[in-house]
C-alpha atoms as a PDB file:
ATOM      1  CA  SER A   1     -12.017   3.302  59.761  1.00  0.00           C
ATOM      2  CA  THR A   2     -15.662   3.395  60.696  1.00  0.00           C
ATOM      3  CA  MET A   3     -18.238   2.171  63.800  1.00  0.00           C
ATOM      4  CA  PHE A   4     -18.780  -1.540  63.852  1.00  0.00           C
ATOM      5  CA  LEU A   5     -20.567  -4.124  65.498  1.00  0.00           C
ATOM      6  CA  VAL A   6     -19.970  -6.653  68.547  1.00  0.00           C
ATOM      7  CA  GLY A   7     -22.151  -9.173  69.300  1.00  0.00           C
ATOM      8  CA  LEU A   8     -22.455 -10.233  72.898  1.00  0.00           C
ATOM      9  CA  SER A   9     -23.934 -13.977  73.854  1.00  0.00           C
ATOM     10  CA  GLY A  10     -23.783 -16.334  76.568  1.00  0.00           C
ATOM     11  CA  GLY A  11     -25.859 -19.030  78.265  1.00  0.00           C
ATOM     12  CA  ILE A  12     -28.745 -19.276  80.789  1.00  0.00           C
ATOM     13  CA  ALA A  13     -26.462 -18.475  84.256  1.00  0.00           C
ATOM     14  CA  SER A  14     -23.063 -17.888  82.237  1.00  0.00           C
ATOM     15  CA  GLY A  15     -22.665 -14.647  83.715  1.00  0.00           C
ATOM     16  CA  LYS A  16     -23.396 -12.163  81.060  1.00  0.00           C
ATOM     17  CA  SER A  17     -24.940  -9.739  82.655  1.00  0.00           C
ATOM     18  CA  THR A  18     -21.729  -9.501  84.782  1.00  0.00           C
ATOM     19  CA  VAL A  19     -19.791  -8.913  82.063  1.00  0.00           C
ATOM     20  CA  VAL A  20     -22.370  -6.207  80.202  1.00  0.00           C
ATOM     21  CA  ALA A  21     -22.171  -4.327  83.734  1.00  0.00           C
ATOM     22  CA  VAL A  22     -18.140  -3.996  83.351  1.00  0.00           C
ATOM     23  CA  LEU A  23     -18.862  -2.744  79.519  1.00  0.00           C
ATOM     24  CA  ARG A  24     -21.353  -0.145  81.053  1.00  0.00           C
ATOM     25  CA  GLU A  25     -18.706   1.264  83.628  1.00  0.00           C
ATOM     26  CA  LEU A  26     -16.313   1.703  80.735  1.00  0.00           C
ATOM     27  CA  GLY A  27     -18.758   3.650  78.757  1.00  0.00           C
ATOM     28  CA  CYS A  28     -19.412   1.200  76.031  1.00  0.00           C
ATOM     29  CA  ALA A  29     -22.497   1.442  73.921  1.00  0.00           C
ATOM     30  CA  VAL A  30     -24.406  -1.558  74.831  1.00  0.00           C
ATOM     31  CA  ILE A  31     -28.075  -2.433  73.220  1.00  0.00           C
ATOM     32  CA  ASP A  32     -30.034  -5.067  75.027  1.00  0.00           C
ATOM     33  CA  ALA A  33     -32.067  -6.916  73.188  1.00  0.00           C
ATOM     34  CA  ASP A  34     -33.744  -8.364  76.304  1.00  0.00           C
ATOM     35  CA  VAL A  35     -34.884  -5.033  77.446  1.00  0.00           C
ATOM     36  CA  ILE A  36     -36.005  -4.361  73.683  1.00  0.00           C
ATOM     37  CA  ALA A  37     -37.977  -7.353  73.498  1.00  0.00           C
ATOM     38  CA  ARG A  38     -39.675  -6.155  76.444  1.00  0.00           C
ATOM     39  CA  GLN A  39     -40.786  -2.693  75.077  1.00  0.00           C
ATOM     40  CA  VAL A  40     -41.854  -3.966  71.963  1.00  0.00           C
ATOM     41  CA  VAL A  41     -44.753  -6.175  73.599  1.00  0.00           C
ATOM     42  CA  GLN A  42     -46.156  -3.520  75.555  1.00  0.00           C
ATOM     43  CA  PRO A  43     -49.901  -2.940  75.908  1.00  0.00           C
ATOM     44  CA  HIS A  44     -51.285  -1.551  72.718  1.00  0.00           C
ATOM     45  CA  SER A  45     -47.993  -2.079  70.439  1.00  0.00           C
ATOM     46  CA  LYS A  46     -48.319  -3.902  67.369  1.00  0.00           C
ATOM     47  CA  ALA A  47     -46.404  -7.353  68.630  1.00  0.00           C
ATOM     48  CA  HIS A  48     -48.808  -7.204  71.520  1.00  0.00           C
ATOM     49  CA  GLN A  49     -51.762  -7.104  69.368  1.00  0.00           C
ATOM     50  CA  GLN A  50     -50.994  -9.995  67.452  1.00  0.00           C
ATOM     51  CA  ILE A  51     -49.586 -12.297  70.446  1.00  0.00           C
ATOM     52  CA  LEU A  52     -53.014 -11.564  71.391  1.00  0.00           C
ATOM     53  CA  GLN A  53     -54.469 -13.236  68.392  1.00  0.00           C
ATOM     54  CA  HIS A  54     -52.458 -15.982  68.728  1.00  0.00           C
ATOM     55  CA  PHE A  55     -52.016 -17.009  72.401  1.00  0.00           C
ATOM     56  CA  GLY A  56     -55.113 -15.708  74.151  1.00  0.00           C
ATOM     57  CA  THR A  57     -55.476 -13.218  76.858  1.00  0.00           C
ATOM     58  CA  GLU A  58     -55.014 -15.949  79.449  1.00  0.00           C
ATOM     59  CA  ILE A  59     -51.486 -15.013  79.221  1.00  0.00           C
ATOM     60  CA  LEU A  60     -52.107 -11.407  80.332  1.00  0.00           C
ATOM     61  CA  LEU A  61     -51.305 -10.107  83.848  1.00  0.00           C
ATOM     62  CA  GLU A  62     -53.840  -8.044  85.511  1.00  0.00           C
ATOM     63  CA  ASN A  63     -52.423  -4.715  84.098  1.00  0.00           C
ATOM     64  CA  GLY A  64     -52.465  -5.902  80.393  1.00  0.00           C
ATOM     65  CA  GLU A  65     -49.056  -6.888  80.072  1.00  0.00           C
ATOM     66  CA  ILE A  66     -48.056  -9.969  78.913  1.00  0.00           C
ATOM     67  CA  ASN A  67     -47.102 -12.590  81.705  1.00  0.00           C
ATOM     68  CA  ARG A  68     -43.924 -13.980  80.539  1.00  0.00           C
ATOM     69  CA  GLU A  69     -43.378 -16.445  83.082  1.00  0.00           C
ATOM     70  CA  ALA A  70     -46.995 -17.786  81.218  1.00  0.00           C
ATOM     71  CA  LEU A  71     -45.686 -17.328  78.160  1.00  0.00           C
ATOM     72  CA  GLY A  72     -42.440 -18.723  78.757  1.00  0.00           C
ATOM     73  CA  ASN A  73     -44.118 -22.032  79.846  1.00  0.00           C
ATOM     74  CA  ILE A  74     -45.789 -22.223  76.288  1.00  0.00           C
ATOM     75  CA  ILE A  75     -43.419 -21.695  74.123  1.00  0.00           C
ATOM     76  CA  PHE A  76     -40.587 -23.647  76.447  1.00  0.00           C
ATOM     77  CA  SER A  77     -42.617 -27.322  75.845  1.00  0.00           C
ATOM     78  CA  GLN A  78     -43.847 -26.060  71.919  1.00  0.00           C
ATOM     79  CA  PRO A  79     -41.117 -25.660  69.395  1.00  0.00           C
ATOM     80  CA  GLU A  80     -43.676 -24.395  66.725  1.00  0.00           C
ATOM     81  CA  LYS A  81     -45.002 -22.004  69.709  1.00  0.00           C
ATOM     82  CA  ARG A  82     -41.408 -20.435  69.945  1.00  0.00           C
ATOM     83  CA  GLN A  83     -41.421 -19.969  65.907  1.00  0.00           C
ATOM     84  CA  LEU A  84     -44.052 -18.001  66.049  1.00  0.00           C
ATOM     85  CA  LEU A  85     -43.955 -16.098  68.936  1.00  0.00           C
ATOM     86  CA  ASN A  86     -40.109 -15.546  67.184  1.00  0.00           C
ATOM     87  CA  SER A  87     -42.034 -14.396  63.688  1.00  0.00           C
ATOM     88  CA  ILE A  88     -44.086 -12.271  65.567  1.00  0.00           C
ATOM     89  CA  THR A  89     -41.300 -10.086  67.809  1.00  0.00           C
ATOM     90  CA  HIS A  90     -38.074 -10.325  65.711  1.00  0.00           C
ATOM     91  CA  PRO A  91     -38.785  -7.651  63.063  1.00  0.00           C
ATOM     92  CA  GLU A  92     -39.774  -5.551  66.262  1.00  0.00           C
ATOM     93  CA  ILE A  93     -36.730  -6.229  67.947  1.00  0.00           C
ATOM     94  CA  LEU A  94     -34.480  -5.538  65.001  1.00  0.00           C
ATOM     95  CA  LYS A  95     -36.229  -2.220  64.172  1.00  0.00           C
ATOM     96  CA  GLU A  96     -35.616  -0.701  67.226  1.00  0.00           C
ATOM     97  CA  MET A  97     -31.779  -2.254  67.604  1.00  0.00           C
ATOM     98  CA  LEU A  98     -31.386  -0.293  63.809  1.00  0.00           C
ATOM     99  CA  LYS A  99     -32.757   3.096  65.328  1.00  0.00           C
ATOM    100  CA  GLN A 100     -30.149   2.397  68.432  1.00  0.00           C
ATOM    101  CA  VAL A 101     -27.636   1.573  66.401  1.00  0.00           C
ATOM    102  CA  LEU A 102     -27.657   4.347  64.379  1.00  0.00           C
ATOM    103  CA  LYS A 103     -28.209   6.599  67.335  1.00  0.00           C
ATOM    104  CA  TYR A 104     -24.546   5.740  68.381  1.00  0.00           C
ATOM    105  CA  PHE A 105     -23.056   5.615  64.806  1.00  0.00           C
ATOM    106  CA  VAL A 106     -24.193   9.387  65.228  1.00  0.00           C
ATOM    107  CA  LEU A 107     -22.680   9.795  68.317  1.00  0.00           C
ATOM    108  CA  GLY A 108     -19.198   8.824  67.108  1.00  0.00           C
ATOM    109  CA  TYR A 109     -19.022   5.576  69.413  1.00  0.00           C
ATOM    110  CA  ARG A 110     -16.309   3.250  67.906  1.00  0.00           C
ATOM    111  CA  TYR A 111     -18.169   0.189  68.200  1.00  0.00           C
ATOM    112  CA  VAL A 112     -21.318  -1.006  69.765  1.00  0.00           C
ATOM    113  CA  ILE A 113     -22.072  -4.186  71.651  1.00  0.00           C
ATOM    114  CA  LEU A 114     -25.474  -5.975  70.861  1.00  0.00           C
ATOM    115  CA  ASP A 115     -26.440  -8.120  73.906  1.00  0.00           C
ATOM    116  CA  VAL A 116     -28.154 -10.579  72.242  1.00  0.00           C
ATOM    117  CA  PRO A 117     -29.096 -14.164  74.422  1.00  0.00           C
ATOM    118  CA  LEU A 118     -29.547 -16.176  71.381  1.00  0.00           C
ATOM    119  CA  LEU A 119     -26.976 -14.866  69.253  1.00  0.00           C
ATOM    120  CA  PHE A 120     -25.386 -18.163  68.143  1.00  0.00           C
ATOM    121  CA  GLU A 121     -29.170 -20.270  68.173  1.00  0.00           C
ATOM    122  CA  THR A 122     -30.520 -17.870  65.540  1.00  0.00           C
ATOM    123  CA  ARG A 123     -27.148 -17.063  63.638  1.00  0.00           C
ATOM    124  CA  GLY A 124     -28.951 -14.592  61.472  1.00  0.00           C
ATOM    125  CA  LEU A 125     -27.047 -11.533  63.048  1.00  0.00           C
ATOM    126  CA  THR A 126     -23.839 -13.222  63.270  1.00  0.00           C
ATOM    127  CA  ARG A 127     -23.118 -12.316  59.531  1.00  0.00           C
ATOM    128  CA  PHE A 128     -23.571  -8.461  60.639  1.00  0.00           C
ATOM    129  CA  MET A 129     -21.085  -8.248  63.627  1.00  0.00           C
ATOM    130  CA  LYS A 130     -17.433  -7.773  63.149  1.00  0.00           C
ATOM    131  CA  TYR A 131     -16.552  -9.694  66.339  1.00  0.00           C
ATOM    132  CA  THR A 132     -18.758 -11.868  68.098  1.00  0.00           C
ATOM    133  CA  VAL A 133     -18.049 -12.456  72.163  1.00  0.00           C
ATOM    134  CA  LEU A 134     -19.121 -15.479  74.227  1.00  0.00           C
ATOM    135  CA  VAL A 135     -19.501 -15.330  77.899  1.00  0.00           C
ATOM    136  CA  TYR A 136     -18.329 -19.182  78.934  1.00  0.00           C
ATOM    137  CA  CYS A 137     -18.197 -21.039  82.120  1.00  0.00           C
ATOM    138  CA  ASP A 138     -17.869 -24.867  82.481  1.00  0.00           C
ATOM    139  CA  PRO A 139     -20.545 -26.915  82.632  1.00  0.00           C
ATOM    140  CA  PRO A 140     -20.386 -27.691  85.964  1.00  0.00           C
ATOM    141  CA  THR A 141     -20.212 -24.120  87.069  1.00  0.00           C
ATOM    142  CA  GLN A 142     -22.916 -23.096  85.093  1.00  0.00           C
ATOM    143  CA  LEU A 143     -25.356 -25.963  86.517  1.00  0.00           C
ATOM    144  CA  ALA A 144     -24.430 -25.232  90.229  1.00  0.00           C
ATOM    145  CA  ARG A 145     -25.170 -21.471  89.634  1.00  0.00           C
ATOM    146  CA  LEU A 146     -28.522 -21.733  87.969  1.00  0.00           C
ATOM    147  CA  MET A 147     -29.328 -23.893  90.838  1.00  0.00           C
ATOM    148  CA  LYS A 148     -28.409 -21.795  93.136  1.00  0.00           C
ATOM    149  CA  ARG A 149     -30.043 -18.548  91.353  1.00  0.00           C
ATOM    150  CA  SER A 150     -33.146 -20.193  90.794  1.00  0.00           C
ATOM    151  CA  GLY A 151     -33.771 -22.779  93.139  1.00  0.00           C
ATOM    152  CA  LEU A 152     -34.555 -24.878  90.801  1.00  0.00           C
ATOM    153  CA  GLY A 153     -33.908 -29.148  91.136  1.00  0.00           C
ATOM    154  CA  ALA A 154     -30.729 -30.376  89.812  1.00  0.00           C
ATOM    155  CA  ALA A 155     -33.155 -32.205  86.644  1.00  0.00           C
ATOM    156  CA  GLU A 156     -34.966 -29.070  86.009  1.00  0.00           C
ATOM    157  CA  ALA A 157     -31.995 -26.943  85.704  1.00  0.00           C
ATOM    158  CA  GLU A 158     -30.087 -29.404  83.350  1.00  0.00           C
ATOM    159  CA  ALA A 159     -33.609 -29.139  81.305  1.00  0.00           C
ATOM    160  CA  ARG A 160     -33.293 -25.194  81.117  1.00  0.00           C
ATOM    161  CA  ILE A 161     -29.507 -25.549  80.171  1.00  0.00           C
ATOM    162  CA  GLY A 162     -30.425 -28.247  77.757  1.00  0.00           C
ATOM    163  CA  SER A 163     -32.776 -26.391  75.449  1.00  0.00           C
ATOM    164  CA  GLN A 164     -29.287 -23.779  74.588  1.00  0.00           C
ATOM    165  CA  LEU A 165     -27.372 -25.035  72.389  1.00  0.00           C
ATOM    166  CA  PRO A 166     -24.082 -25.756  74.827  1.00  0.00           C
ATOM    167  CA  LEU A 167     -21.645 -23.690  75.284  1.00  0.00           C
ATOM    168  CA  ASP A 168     -18.795 -25.161  73.954  1.00  0.00           C
ATOM    169  CA  GLU A 169     -20.554 -25.584  70.691  1.00  0.00           C
ATOM    170  CA  LYS A 170     -20.704 -22.001  70.777  1.00  0.00           C
ATOM    171  CA  ARG A 171     -17.460 -21.644  71.853  1.00  0.00           C
ATOM    172  CA  LYS A 172     -16.460 -22.564  68.320  1.00  0.00           C
ATOM    173  CA  TRP A 173     -18.306 -19.768  66.883  1.00  0.00           C
ATOM    174  CA  ALA A 174     -16.979 -16.967  68.800  1.00  0.00           C
ATOM    175  CA  THR A 175     -14.329 -14.580  67.916  1.00  0.00           C
ATOM    176  CA  HIS A 176     -13.527 -13.696  71.469  1.00  0.00           C
ATOM    177  CA  VAL A 177     -14.029 -15.787  74.770  1.00  0.00           C
ATOM    178  CA  ILE A 178     -14.391 -14.393  78.161  1.00  0.00           C
ATOM    179  CA  ASP A 179     -13.942 -17.131  80.505  1.00  0.00           C
ATOM    180  CA  ASN A 180     -16.495 -16.577  83.388  1.00  0.00           C
ATOM    181  CA  SER A 181     -15.724 -20.158  85.326  1.00  0.00           C
ATOM    182  CA  GLY A 182     -13.117 -17.927  87.820  1.00  0.00           C
ATOM    183  CA  ASP A 183     -14.068 -15.036  90.047  1.00  0.00           C
ATOM    184  CA  ARG A 184     -15.471 -11.686  89.348  1.00  0.00           C
ATOM    185  CA  GLU A 185     -11.656 -10.303  88.975  1.00  0.00           C
ATOM    186  CA  SER A 186     -10.704 -12.822  86.649  1.00  0.00           C
ATOM    187  CA  THR A 187     -13.647 -11.699  84.410  1.00  0.00           C
ATOM    188  CA  ARG A 188     -12.919  -8.320  84.937  1.00  0.00           C
ATOM    189  CA  ARG A 189      -9.700  -8.134  83.539  1.00  0.00           C
ATOM    190  CA  GLN A 190     -10.494 -10.398  80.672  1.00  0.00           C
ATOM    191  CA  VAL A 191     -13.316  -7.674  79.752  1.00  0.00           C
ATOM    192  CA  LEU A 192     -10.785  -4.436  80.052  1.00  0.00           C
ATOM    193  CA  ARG A 193      -8.575  -6.607  78.048  1.00  0.00           C
ATOM    194  CA  LEU A 194     -11.270  -7.122  74.802  1.00  0.00           C
ATOM    195  CA  HIS A 195     -12.039  -3.163  75.256  1.00  0.00           C
ATOM    196  CA  ALA A 196      -8.713  -2.347  74.852  1.00  0.00           C
ATOM    197  CA  ARG A 197      -8.464  -4.053  71.553  1.00  0.00           C
ATOM    198  CA  LEU A 198     -12.202  -3.138  70.543  1.00  0.00           C
ATOM    199  CA  GLU A 199     -11.133   0.742  71.439  1.00  0.00           C
ATOM    200  CA  ASP A 200      -7.777   0.089  69.717  1.00  0.00           C
ATOM    201  CA  SER A 201      -8.464   3.221  67.045  1.00  0.00           C
ATOM    202  CA  LEU A 202     -11.235   5.498  68.428  1.00  0.00           C
ATOM    203  CA  ASP A 203     -12.205   7.505  65.251  1.00  0.00           C
ATOM    204  CA  PHE A 204     -14.789  10.107  66.058  1.00  0.00           C
ATOM    205  CA  LEU A 205     -17.133  10.972  63.219  1.00  0.00           C
ATOM    206  CA  TRP A 206     -18.439  14.388  63.675  1.00  0.00           C
ATOM    207  CA  ALA A 207     -16.578  15.722  60.938  1.00  0.00           C
ATOM    208  CA  ARG A 208     -17.714  13.453  58.352  1.00  0.00           C
ATOM    209  CA  LEU A 209     -20.947  13.380  59.500  1.00  0.00           C
ATOM    210  CA  ALA A 210     -21.153  17.463  59.221  1.00  0.00           C
ATOM    211  CA  VAL A 211     -19.850  16.722  55.789  1.00  0.00           C
ATOM    212  CA  GLY A 212     -22.405  14.572  54.628  1.00  0.00           C
ATOM    213  CA  THR A 213     -25.159  16.448  55.900  1.00  0.00           C
ATOM    214  CA  ALA A 214     -24.267  19.532  54.668  1.00  0.00           C
ATOM    215  CA  VAL A 215     -24.020  17.745  50.784  1.00  0.00           C
ATOM    216  CA  ALA A 216     -26.699  15.186  50.864  1.00  0.00           C
ATOM    217  CA  GLY A 217     -29.454  16.482  53.693  1.00  0.00           C
ATOM    218  CA  LEU A 218     -30.324  14.505  56.433  1.00  0.00           C
ATOM    219  CA  GLY A 219     -32.598  12.280  54.993  1.00  0.00           C
ATOM    220  CA  GLY A 220     -29.595  11.282  52.331  1.00  0.00           C
ATOM    221  CA  LEU A 221     -27.461  10.701  55.310  1.00  0.00           C
ATOM    222  CA  VAL A 222     -30.020   8.359  57.388  1.00  0.00           C
ATOM    223  CA  PHE A 223     -30.327   6.259  53.722  1.00  0.00           C
ATOM    224  CA  LEU A 224     -26.594   5.669  53.789  1.00  0.00           C
ATOM    225  CA  LEU A 225     -26.477   4.731  56.973  1.00  0.00           C
ATOM    226  CA  LEU A 226     -29.256   2.218  56.913  1.00  0.00           C
ATOM    227  CA  ARG A 227     -27.335   0.755  53.474  1.00  0.00           C
ATOM    228  CA  HIS A 228     -23.762   1.073  55.477  1.00  0.00           C
ATOM    229  CA  PHE A 229     -25.434  -1.650  58.203  1.00  0.00           C
ATOM    230  CA  ILE A 230     -28.057  -3.743  55.897  1.00  0.00           C
ATOM    231  CA  SER A 231     -25.708  -4.613  53.457  1.00  0.00           C
END
């Protein structure tokens, strides 16, 4: 038995952050693609320089960081700009995610959760996941939560939701669904049940890693780990 990857996604205002909070309380390894996405575009990074070349300095804040709201407004209304931004940031995000996956592998975790907001839209990462989890809520609840959270009107909130793949469509692709339409306690119980299934046969890897390091050397071990997660 070896460590496996679990993809976690949802939709805007579906309650994914609530589910992630419970998973972290349980001590699960969670890699947040949104956090990494902010890290890889920090000033002086490769992605930061490329974004400035294509989008101009008007998207910068006074401290030199990228104004996410200004950039978001551009890519929201121009799909070709969104594709360009993704082509710049996604390779850097994937490299950092792989580093973190390898770290948790070495630490002996049974599984790692990759929190990827657009997991089902891009579909590229799903082939690496043993399981995929969707945080779902019914459309009226999603709309009401977004309006309350963001202070948006109904039309604007519906437009934001409509820019993503519908949750009912994502539901067809997920191996597990957490229904967050109800209260927090109901969601928590579902997360606990899911965690129990995933953690069913915890297998720490210290002995196997020690033998691998002794026999092949650290460089050979890293190569094997990379091949394991890319193949």
